[in-house]
Amino acid sequence: MSDLLTIWWVWLAAALALAILEVLAPGFVFLGFAIGACLVGLGLLGPLSALSVSGIILVFAALSLVSWLVLRKIFALPQGSVKTFDHDIND
């Protein structure tokens, strides 16, 4: 199992699956994990290849958290505001 977590294409496949899941259940939660998995997958081609499995999972968790916080900062509504629609898109 540990060799499976160090293969770069498994992380990129997981990133793709999480991105597809984000389309089905929006909210920027799965997208943060997808970005983290993609960055780990690309990192395993270079500097992350020397890390252990626990180190790779720690890097994945940190990258996912950072990407989720950035996405929330960019796309979230201001605190206390509610999204309202003034017109119908079918008009």
PDB file of N, CA and C in Angstrom:
ATOM      1  N   MET A   1       0.816  -1.202   0.000  1.00  0.00           N
ATOM      2  CA  MET A   1       0.000   0.000   0.000  1.00  0.00           C
ATOM      3  C   MET A   1       0.857   1.264   0.000  1.00  0.00           C
ATOM      4  N   SER A   2       1.999   1.238   0.675  1.00  0.00           N
ATOM      5  CA  SER A   2       2.826   2.439   0.751  1.00  0.00           C
ATOM      6  C   SER A   2       3.390   2.819  -0.620  1.00  0.00           C
ATOM      7  N   ASP A   3       3.693   1.824  -1.453  1.00  0.00           N
ATOM      8  CA  ASP A   3       4.179   2.135  -2.793  1.00  0.00           C
ATOM      9  C   ASP A   3       3.092   2.789  -3.632  1.00  0.00           C
ATOM     10  N   LEU A   4       1.846   2.430  -3.374  1.00  0.00           N
ATOM     11  CA  LEU A   4       0.737   3.002  -4.130  1.00  0.00           C
ATOM     12  C   LEU A   4       0.599   4.494  -3.855  1.00  0.00           C
ATOM     13  N   LEU A   5       0.879   4.928  -2.632  1.00  0.00           N
ATOM     14  CA  LEU A   5       0.753   6.344  -2.299  1.00  0.00           C
ATOM     15  C   LEU A   5       1.916   7.182  -2.806  1.00  0.00           C
ATOM     16  N   THR A   6       2.985   6.561  -3.239  1.00  0.00           N
ATOM     17  CA  THR A   6       4.127   7.322  -3.752  1.00  0.00           C
ATOM     18  C   THR A   6       4.161   7.360  -5.274  1.00  0.00           C
ATOM     19  N   ILE A   7       3.181   6.802  -5.929  1.00  0.00           N
ATOM     20  CA  ILE A   7       3.117   6.844  -7.385  1.00  0.00           C
ATOM     21  C   ILE A   7       2.401   8.132  -7.791  1.00  0.00           C
ATOM     22  N   TRP A   8       3.049   8.922  -8.615  1.00  0.00           N
ATOM     23  CA  TRP A   8       2.544  10.251  -8.946  1.00  0.00           C
ATOM     24  C   TRP A   8       1.209  10.197  -9.669  1.00  0.00           C
ATOM     25  N   TRP A   9       0.993   9.219 -10.539  1.00  0.00           N
ATOM     26  CA  TRP A   9      -0.231   9.209 -11.334  1.00  0.00           C
ATOM     27  C   TRP A   9      -1.450   8.860 -10.490  1.00  0.00           C
ATOM     28  N   VAL A  10      -1.253   8.174  -9.372  1.00  0.00           N
ATOM     29  CA  VAL A  10      -2.383   7.890  -8.478  1.00  0.00           C
ATOM     30  C   VAL A  10      -2.889   9.193  -7.866  1.00  0.00           C
ATOM     31  N   TRP A  11      -1.963  10.057  -7.497  1.00  0.00           N
ATOM     32  CA  TRP A  11      -2.362  11.353  -6.937  1.00  0.00           C
ATOM     33  C   TRP A  11      -3.058  12.216  -7.989  1.00  0.00           C
ATOM     34  N   LEU A  12      -2.580  12.172  -9.230  1.00  0.00           N
ATOM     35  CA  LEU A  12      -3.235  12.965 -10.279  1.00  0.00           C
ATOM     36  C   LEU A  12      -4.615  12.396 -10.623  1.00  0.00           C
ATOM     37  N   ALA A  13      -4.766  11.079 -10.586  1.00  0.00           N
ATOM     38  CA  ALA A  13      -6.081  10.472 -10.810  1.00  0.00           C
ATOM     39  C   ALA A  13      -7.029  10.832  -9.675  1.00  0.00           C
ATOM     40  N   ALA A  14      -6.522  10.858  -8.446  1.00  0.00           N
ATOM     41  CA  ALA A  14      -7.353  11.268  -7.309  1.00  0.00           C
ATOM     42  C   ALA A  14      -7.744  12.736  -7.444  1.00  0.00           C
ATOM     43  N   ALA A  15      -6.836  13.567  -7.938  1.00  0.00           N
ATOM     44  CA  ALA A  15      -7.149  14.981  -8.153  1.00  0.00           C
ATOM     45  C   ALA A  15      -8.259  15.133  -9.183  1.00  0.00           C
ATOM     46  N   LEU A  16      -8.202  14.364 -10.239  1.00  0.00           N
ATOM     47  CA  LEU A  16      -9.244  14.416 -11.263  1.00  0.00           C
ATOM     48  C   LEU A  16     -10.583  13.950 -10.699  1.00  0.00           C
ATOM     49  N   ALA A  17     -10.578  12.876  -9.930  1.00  0.00           N
ATOM     50  CA  ALA A  17     -11.817  12.371  -9.328  1.00  0.00           C
ATOM     51  C   ALA A  17     -12.401  13.384  -8.352  1.00  0.00           C
ATOM     52  N   LEU A  18     -11.557  14.039  -7.566  1.00  0.00           N
ATOM     53  CA  LEU A  18     -12.048  15.048  -6.624  1.00  0.00           C
ATOM     54  C   LEU A  18     -12.575  16.288  -7.349  1.00  0.00           C
ATOM     55  N   ALA A  19     -11.944  16.648  -8.461  1.00  0.00           N
ATOM     56  CA  ALA A  19     -12.438  17.787  -9.241  1.00  0.00           C
ATOM     57  C   ALA A  19     -13.801  17.476  -9.852  1.00  0.00           C
ATOM     58  N   ILE A  20     -13.990  16.254 -10.317  1.00  0.00           N
ATOM     59  CA  ILE A  20     -15.292  15.853 -10.850  1.00  0.00           C
ATOM     60  C   ILE A  20     -16.334  15.851  -9.731  1.00  0.00           C
ATOM     61  N   LEU A  21     -15.941  15.383  -8.565  1.00  0.00           N
ATOM     62  CA  LEU A  21     -16.853  15.386  -7.419  1.00  0.00           C
ATOM     63  C   LEU A  21     -17.230  16.803  -7.016  1.00  0.00           C
ATOM     64  N   GLU A  22     -16.320  17.745  -7.188  1.00  0.00           N
ATOM     65  CA  GLU A  22     -16.618  19.148  -6.889  1.00  0.00           C
ATOM     66  C   GLU A  22     -17.694  19.694  -7.815  1.00  0.00           C
ATOM     67  N   VAL A  23     -17.700  19.248  -9.051  1.00  0.00           N
ATOM     68  CA  VAL A  23     -18.731  19.694  -9.991  1.00  0.00           C
ATOM     69  C   VAL A  23     -20.097  19.185  -9.547  1.00  0.00           C
ATOM     70  N   LEU A  24     -20.132  17.979  -9.001  1.00  0.00           N
ATOM     71  CA  LEU A  24     -21.395  17.394  -8.565  1.00  0.00           C
ATOM     72  C   LEU A  24     -21.870  17.948  -7.228  1.00  0.00           C
ATOM     73  N   ALA A  25     -20.955  18.362  -6.361  1.00  0.00           N
ATOM     74  CA  ALA A  25     -21.303  18.891  -5.042  1.00  0.00           C
ATOM     75  C   ALA A  25     -20.478  20.148  -4.786  1.00  0.00           C
ATOM     76  N   PRO A  26     -20.894  21.296  -5.342  1.00  0.00           N
ATOM     77  CA  PRO A  26     -20.084  22.507  -5.232  1.00  0.00           C
ATOM     78  C   PRO A  26     -19.986  23.015  -3.798  1.00  0.00           C
ATOM     79  N   GLY A  27     -18.941  23.743  -3.531  1.00  0.00           N
ATOM     80  CA  GLY A  27     -18.733  24.316  -2.222  1.00  0.00           C
ATOM     81  C   GLY A  27     -17.258  24.552  -1.935  1.00  0.00           C
ATOM     82  N   PHE A  28     -16.399  24.301  -2.893  1.00  0.00           N
ATOM     83  CA  PHE A  28     -14.954  24.496  -2.818  1.00  0.00           C
ATOM     84  C   PHE A  28     -14.270  23.591  -1.806  1.00  0.00           C
ATOM     85  N   VAL A  29     -14.951  22.579  -1.291  1.00  0.00           N
ATOM     86  CA  VAL A  29     -14.306  21.650  -0.365  1.00  0.00           C
ATOM     87  C   VAL A  29     -13.496  20.631  -1.140  1.00  0.00           C
ATOM     88  N   PHE A  30     -14.120  19.975  -2.091  1.00  0.00           N
ATOM     89  CA  PHE A  30     -13.417  18.954  -2.858  1.00  0.00           C
ATOM     90  C   PHE A  30     -12.382  19.565  -3.790  1.00  0.00           C
ATOM     91  N   LEU A  31     -12.605  20.800  -4.214  1.00  0.00           N
ATOM     92  CA  LEU A  31     -11.636  21.465  -5.086  1.00  0.00           C
ATOM     93  C   LEU A  31     -10.330  21.727  -4.342  1.00  0.00           C
ATOM     94  N   GLY A  32     -10.415  22.056  -3.076  1.00  0.00           N
ATOM     95  CA  GLY A  32      -9.195  22.230  -2.276  1.00  0.00           C
ATOM     96  C   GLY A  32      -8.402  20.937  -2.176  1.00  0.00           C
ATOM     97  N   PHE A  33      -9.108  19.819  -1.958  1.00  0.00           N
ATOM     98  CA  PHE A  33      -8.436  18.531  -1.922  1.00  0.00           C
ATOM     99  C   PHE A  33      -7.879  18.170  -3.299  1.00  0.00           C
ATOM    100  N   ALA A  34      -8.600  18.521  -4.359  1.00  0.00           N
ATOM    101  CA  ALA A  34      -8.129  18.227  -5.719  1.00  0.00           C
ATOM    102  C   ALA A  34      -6.850  18.995  -6.024  1.00  0.00           C
ATOM    103  N   ILE A  35      -6.802  20.247  -5.625  1.00  0.00           N
ATOM    104  CA  ILE A  35      -5.591  21.039  -5.852  1.00  0.00           C
ATOM    105  C   ILE A  35      -4.430  20.477  -5.046  1.00  0.00           C
ATOM    106  N   GLY A  36      -4.696  20.088  -3.801  1.00  0.00           N
ATOM    107  CA  GLY A  36      -3.647  19.482  -2.979  1.00  0.00           C
ATOM    108  C   GLY A  36      -3.124  18.190  -3.580  1.00  0.00           C
ATOM    109  N   ALA A  37      -4.033  17.338  -4.057  1.00  0.00           N
ATOM    110  CA  ALA A  37      -3.615  16.071  -4.662  1.00  0.00           C
ATOM    111  C   ALA A  37      -2.835  16.301  -5.956  1.00  0.00           C
ATOM    112  N   CYS A  38      -3.261  17.280  -6.737  1.00  0.00           N
ATOM    113  CA  CYS A  38      -2.560  17.588  -7.986  1.00  0.00           C
ATOM    114  C   CYS A  38      -1.146  18.095  -7.706  1.00  0.00           C
ATOM    115  N   LEU A  39      -1.013  18.966  -6.725  1.00  0.00           N
ATOM    116  CA  LEU A  39       0.313  19.489  -6.397  1.00  0.00           C
ATOM    117  C   LEU A  39       1.226  18.398  -5.830  1.00  0.00           C
ATOM    118  N   VAL A  40       0.667  17.490  -5.036  1.00  0.00           N
ATOM    119  CA  VAL A  40       1.469  16.375  -4.534  1.00  0.00           C
ATOM    120  C   VAL A  40       1.872  15.457  -5.685  1.00  0.00           C
ATOM    121  N   GLY A  41       0.940  15.180  -6.595  1.00  0.00           N
ATOM    122  CA  GLY A  41       1.262  14.344  -7.742  1.00  0.00           C
ATOM    123  C   GLY A  41       2.368  14.924  -8.592  1.00  0.00           C
ATOM    124  N   LEU A  42       2.311  16.218  -8.825  1.00  0.00           N
ATOM    125  CA  LEU A  42       3.371  16.870  -9.591  1.00  0.00           C
ATOM    126  C   LEU A  42       4.657  16.946  -8.788  1.00  0.00           C
ATOM    127  N   GLY A  43       4.533  17.127  -7.486  1.00  0.00           N
ATOM    128  CA  GLY A  43       5.718  17.180  -6.630  1.00  0.00           C
ATOM    129  C   GLY A  43       6.438  15.854  -6.523  1.00  0.00           C
ATOM    130  N   LEU A  44       5.707  14.755  -6.684  1.00  0.00           N
ATOM    131  CA  LEU A  44       6.347  13.432  -6.631  1.00  0.00           C
ATOM    132  C   LEU A  44       7.249  13.192  -7.833  1.00  0.00           C
ATOM    133  N   LEU A  45       7.071  13.967  -8.873  1.00  0.00           N
ATOM    134  CA  LEU A  45       7.976  13.872 -10.014  1.00  0.00           C
ATOM    135  C   LEU A  45       9.310  14.539  -9.715  1.00  0.00           C
ATOM    136  N   GLY A  46       9.367  15.337  -8.664  1.00  0.00           N
ATOM    137  CA  GLY A  46      10.588  16.059  -8.334  1.00  0.00           C
ATOM    138  C   GLY A  46      10.926  15.992  -6.865  1.00  0.00           C
ATOM    139  N   PRO A  47      10.760  17.109  -6.153  1.00  0.00           N
ATOM    140  CA  PRO A  47      11.291  17.207  -4.789  1.00  0.00           C
ATOM    141  C   PRO A  47      10.609  16.328  -3.743  1.00  0.00           C
ATOM    142  N   LEU A  48       9.368  15.964  -3.920  1.00  0.00           N
ATOM    143  CA  LEU A  48       8.673  15.162  -2.913  1.00  0.00           C
ATOM    144  C   LEU A  48       8.975  13.672  -3.011  1.00  0.00           C
ATOM    145  N   SER A  49       9.700  13.264  -4.022  1.00  0.00           N
ATOM    146  CA  SER A  49       9.954  11.834  -4.209  1.00  0.00           C
ATOM    147  C   SER A  49      10.817  11.239  -3.098  1.00  0.00           C
ATOM    148  N   ALA A  50      11.533  12.052  -2.354  1.00  0.00           N
ATOM    149  CA  ALA A  50      12.392  11.550  -1.279  1.00  0.00           C
ATOM    150  C   ALA A  50      11.649  11.401   0.047  1.00  0.00           C
ATOM    151  N   LEU A  51      10.406  11.896   0.124  1.00  0.00           N
ATOM    152  CA  LEU A  51       9.657  11.839   1.383  1.00  0.00           C
ATOM    153  C   LEU A  51       9.062  10.462   1.628  1.00  0.00           C
ATOM    154  N   SER A  52       8.788  10.188   2.889  1.00  0.00           N
ATOM    155  CA  SER A  52       8.093   8.953   3.252  1.00  0.00           C
ATOM    156  C   SER A  52       6.598   9.132   3.000  1.00  0.00           C
ATOM    157  N   VAL A  53       5.845   8.074   3.161  1.00  0.00           N
ATOM    158  CA  VAL A  53       4.400   8.136   2.932  1.00  0.00           C
ATOM    159  C   VAL A  53       3.747   9.105   3.907  1.00  0.00           C
ATOM    160  N   SER A  54       4.155   9.067   5.176  1.00  0.00           N
ATOM    161  CA  SER A  54       3.565   9.989   6.149  1.00  0.00           C
ATOM    162  C   SER A  54       3.922  11.438   5.814  1.00  0.00           C
ATOM    163  N   GLY A  55       5.104  11.672   5.304  1.00  0.00           N
ATOM    164  CA  GLY A  55       5.483  13.019   4.886  1.00  0.00           C
ATOM    165  C   GLY A  55       4.675  13.494   3.697  1.00  0.00           C
ATOM    166  N   ILE A  56       4.417  12.598   2.758  1.00  0.00           N
ATOM    167  CA  ILE A  56       3.618  12.941   1.587  1.00  0.00           C
ATOM    168  C   ILE A  56       2.182  13.279   1.994  1.00  0.00           C
ATOM    169  N   ILE A  57       1.623  12.498   2.911  1.00  0.00           N
ATOM    170  CA  ILE A  57       0.261  12.764   3.379  1.00  0.00           C
ATOM    171  C   ILE A  57       0.205  14.075   4.150  1.00  0.00           C
ATOM    172  N   LEU A  58       1.241  14.386   4.914  1.00  0.00           N
ATOM    173  CA  LEU A  58       1.299  15.659   5.628  1.00  0.00           C
ATOM    174  C   LEU A  58       1.365  16.830   4.650  1.00  0.00           C
ATOM    175  N   VAL A  59       2.162  16.699   3.607  1.00  0.00           N
ATOM    176  CA  VAL A  59       2.243  17.745   2.580  1.00  0.00           C
ATOM    177  C   VAL A  59       0.893  17.893   1.879  1.00  0.00           C
ATOM    178  N   PHE A  60       0.234  16.775   1.587  1.00  0.00           N
ATOM    179  CA  PHE A  60      -1.093  16.823   0.966  1.00  0.00           C
ATOM    180  C   PHE A  60      -2.085  17.565   1.855  1.00  0.00           C
ATOM    181  N   ALA A  61      -2.082  17.268   3.143  1.00  0.00           N
ATOM    182  CA  ALA A  61      -3.008  17.934   4.064  1.00  0.00           C
ATOM    183  C   ALA A  61      -2.736  19.430   4.134  1.00  0.00           C
ATOM    184  N   ALA A  62      -1.467  19.797   4.206  1.00  0.00           N
ATOM    185  CA  ALA A  62      -1.115  21.211   4.284  1.00  0.00           C
ATOM    186  C   ALA A  62      -1.486  21.950   2.996  1.00  0.00           C
ATOM    187  N   LEU A  63      -1.180  21.358   1.845  1.00  0.00           N
ATOM    188  CA  LEU A  63      -1.510  21.999   0.574  1.00  0.00           C
ATOM    189  C   LEU A  63      -3.021  22.101   0.369  1.00  0.00           C
ATOM    190  N   SER A  64      -3.753  21.091   0.799  1.00  0.00           N
ATOM    191  CA  SER A  64      -5.212  21.121   0.679  1.00  0.00           C
ATOM    192  C   SER A  64      -5.799  22.218   1.550  1.00  0.00           C
ATOM    193  N   LEU A  65      -5.293  22.351   2.761  1.00  0.00           N
ATOM    194  CA  LEU A  65      -5.785  23.397   3.662  1.00  0.00           C
ATOM    195  C   LEU A  65      -5.495  24.776   3.106  1.00  0.00           C
ATOM    196  N   VAL A  66      -4.286  24.986   2.636  1.00  0.00           N
ATOM    197  CA  VAL A  66      -3.913  26.293   2.086  1.00  0.00           C
ATOM    198  C   VAL A  66      -4.754  26.613   0.848  1.00  0.00           C
ATOM    199  N   SER A  67      -4.924  25.647  -0.033  1.00  0.00           N
ATOM    200  CA  SER A  67      -5.718  25.910  -1.240  1.00  0.00           C
ATOM    201  C   SER A  67      -7.174  26.155  -0.896  1.00  0.00           C
ATOM    202  N   TRP A  68      -7.713  25.449   0.108  1.00  0.00           N
ATOM    203  CA  TRP A  68      -9.102  25.688   0.511  1.00  0.00           C
ATOM    204  C   TRP A  68      -9.250  27.090   1.096  1.00  0.00           C
ATOM    205  N   LEU A  69      -8.296  27.521   1.903  1.00  0.00           N
ATOM    206  CA  LEU A  69      -8.366  28.869   2.478  1.00  0.00           C
ATOM    207  C   LEU A  69      -8.270  29.942   1.404  1.00  0.00           C
ATOM    208  N   VAL A  70      -7.412  29.730   0.413  1.00  0.00           N
ATOM    209  CA  VAL A  70      -7.292  30.698  -0.687  1.00  0.00           C
ATOM    210  C   VAL A  70      -8.589  30.738  -1.501  1.00  0.00           C
ATOM    211  N   LEU A  71      -9.143  29.579  -1.814  1.00  0.00           N
ATOM    212  CA  LEU A  71     -10.406  29.549  -2.558  1.00  0.00           C
ATOM    213  C   LEU A  71     -11.523  30.227  -1.780  1.00  0.00           C
ATOM    214  N   ARG A  72     -11.565  30.001  -0.484  1.00  0.00           N
ATOM    215  CA  ARG A  72     -12.599  30.626   0.348  1.00  0.00           C
ATOM    216  C   ARG A  72     -12.423  32.139   0.378  1.00  0.00           C
ATOM    217  N   LYS A  73     -11.187  32.593   0.444  1.00  0.00           N
ATOM    218  CA  LYS A  73     -10.910  34.027   0.461  1.00  0.00           C
ATOM    219  C   LYS A  73     -11.314  34.679  -0.865  1.00  0.00           C
ATOM    220  N   ILE A  74     -11.064  33.994  -1.967  1.00  0.00           N
ATOM    221  CA  ILE A  74     -11.343  34.568  -3.284  1.00  0.00           C
ATOM    222  C   ILE A  74     -12.837  34.521  -3.624  1.00  0.00           C
ATOM    223  N   PHE A  75     -13.479  33.370  -3.386  1.00  0.00           N
ATOM    224  CA  PHE A  75     -14.829  33.165  -3.905  1.00  0.00           C
ATOM    225  C   PHE A  75     -15.950  33.297  -2.884  1.00  0.00           C
ATOM    226  N   ALA A  76     -15.661  33.343  -1.608  1.00  0.00           N
ATOM    227  CA  ALA A  76     -16.731  33.383  -0.611  1.00  0.00           C
ATOM    228  C   ALA A  76     -17.376  34.763  -0.564  1.00  0.00           C
ATOM    229  N   LEU A  77     -18.645  34.773  -0.180  1.00  0.00           N
ATOM    230  CA  LEU A  77     -19.341  36.031   0.026  1.00  0.00           C
ATOM    231  C   LEU A  77     -18.819  36.706   1.285  1.00  0.00           C
ATOM    232  N   PRO A  78     -18.898  38.031   1.361  1.00  0.00           N
ATOM    233  CA  PRO A  78     -18.481  38.706   2.596  1.00  0.00           C
ATOM    234  C   PRO A  78     -19.290  38.198   3.792  1.00  0.00           C
ATOM    235  N   GLN A  79     -18.698  38.272   4.971  1.00  0.00           N
ATOM    236  CA  GLN A  79     -19.315  37.757   6.188  1.00  0.00           C
ATOM    237  C   GLN A  79     -20.690  38.385   6.420  1.00  0.00           C
ATOM    238  N   GLY A  80     -21.685  37.555   6.603  1.00  0.00           N
ATOM    239  CA  GLY A  80     -23.031  38.016   6.917  1.00  0.00           C
ATOM    240  C   GLY A  80     -23.884  38.355   5.710  1.00  0.00           C
ATOM    241  N   SER A  81     -23.328  38.333   4.510  1.00  0.00           N
ATOM    242  CA  SER A  81     -24.138  38.670   3.346  1.00  0.00           C
ATOM    243  C   SER A  81     -24.766  37.409   2.763  1.00  0.00           C
ATOM    244  N   VAL A  82     -25.892  37.617   2.116  1.00  0.00           N
ATOM    245  CA  VAL A  82     -26.640  36.518   1.517  1.00  0.00           C
ATOM    246  C   VAL A  82     -26.769  36.804   0.032  1.00  0.00           C
ATOM    247  N   LYS A  83     -26.591  35.793  -0.774  1.00  0.00           N
ATOM    248  CA  LYS A  83     -26.712  35.966  -2.209  1.00  0.00           C
ATOM    249  C   LYS A  83     -28.186  36.083  -2.576  1.00  0.00           C
ATOM    250  N   THR A  84     -28.548  37.168  -3.231  1.00  0.00           N
ATOM    251  CA  THR A  84     -29.922  37.385  -3.684  1.00  0.00           C
ATOM    252  C   THR A  84     -29.910  37.634  -5.181  1.00  0.00           C
ATOM    253  N   PHE A  85     -31.021  37.304  -5.798  1.00  0.00           N
ATOM    254  CA  PHE A  85     -31.171  37.504  -7.249  1.00  0.00           C
ATOM    255  C   PHE A  85     -32.302  38.491  -7.484  1.00  0.00           C
ATOM    256  N   ASP A  86     -32.018  39.518  -8.299  1.00  0.00           N
ATOM    257  CA  ASP A  86     -33.008  40.558  -8.582  1.00  0.00           C
ATOM    258  C   ASP A  86     -33.817  40.269  -9.839  1.00  0.00           C
ATOM    259  N   HIS A  87     -33.372  39.334 -10.658  1.00  0.00           N
ATOM    260  CA  HIS A  87     -34.066  39.062 -11.896  1.00  0.00           C
ATOM    261  C   HIS A  87     -34.033  37.577 -12.186  1.00  0.00           C
ATOM    262  N   ASP A  88     -34.921  37.171 -13.034  1.00  0.00           N
ATOM    263  CA  ASP A  88     -35.000  35.775 -13.440  1.00  0.00           C
ATOM    264  C   ASP A  88     -34.152  35.586 -14.688  1.00  0.00           C
ATOM    265  N   ILE A  89     -33.360  34.537 -14.743  1.00  0.00           N
ATOM    266  CA  ILE A  89     -32.500  34.329 -15.904  1.00  0.00           C
ATOM    267  C   ILE A  89     -33.298  33.948 -17.146  1.00  0.00           C
ATOM    268  N   ASN A  90     -34.561  33.596 -16.967  1.00  0.00           N
ATOM    269  CA  ASN A  90     -35.377  33.217 -18.116  1.00  0.00           C
ATOM    270  C   ASN A  90     -36.080  34.405 -18.764  1.00  0.00           C
ATOM    271  N   ASP A  91     -35.955  35.582 -18.198  1.00  0.00           N
ATOM    272  CA  ASP A  91     -36.616  36.768 -18.781  1.00  0.00           C
ATOM    273  C   ASP A  91     -35.867  37.279 -19.963  1.00  0.00           C
TER     274      ASP A  91
END
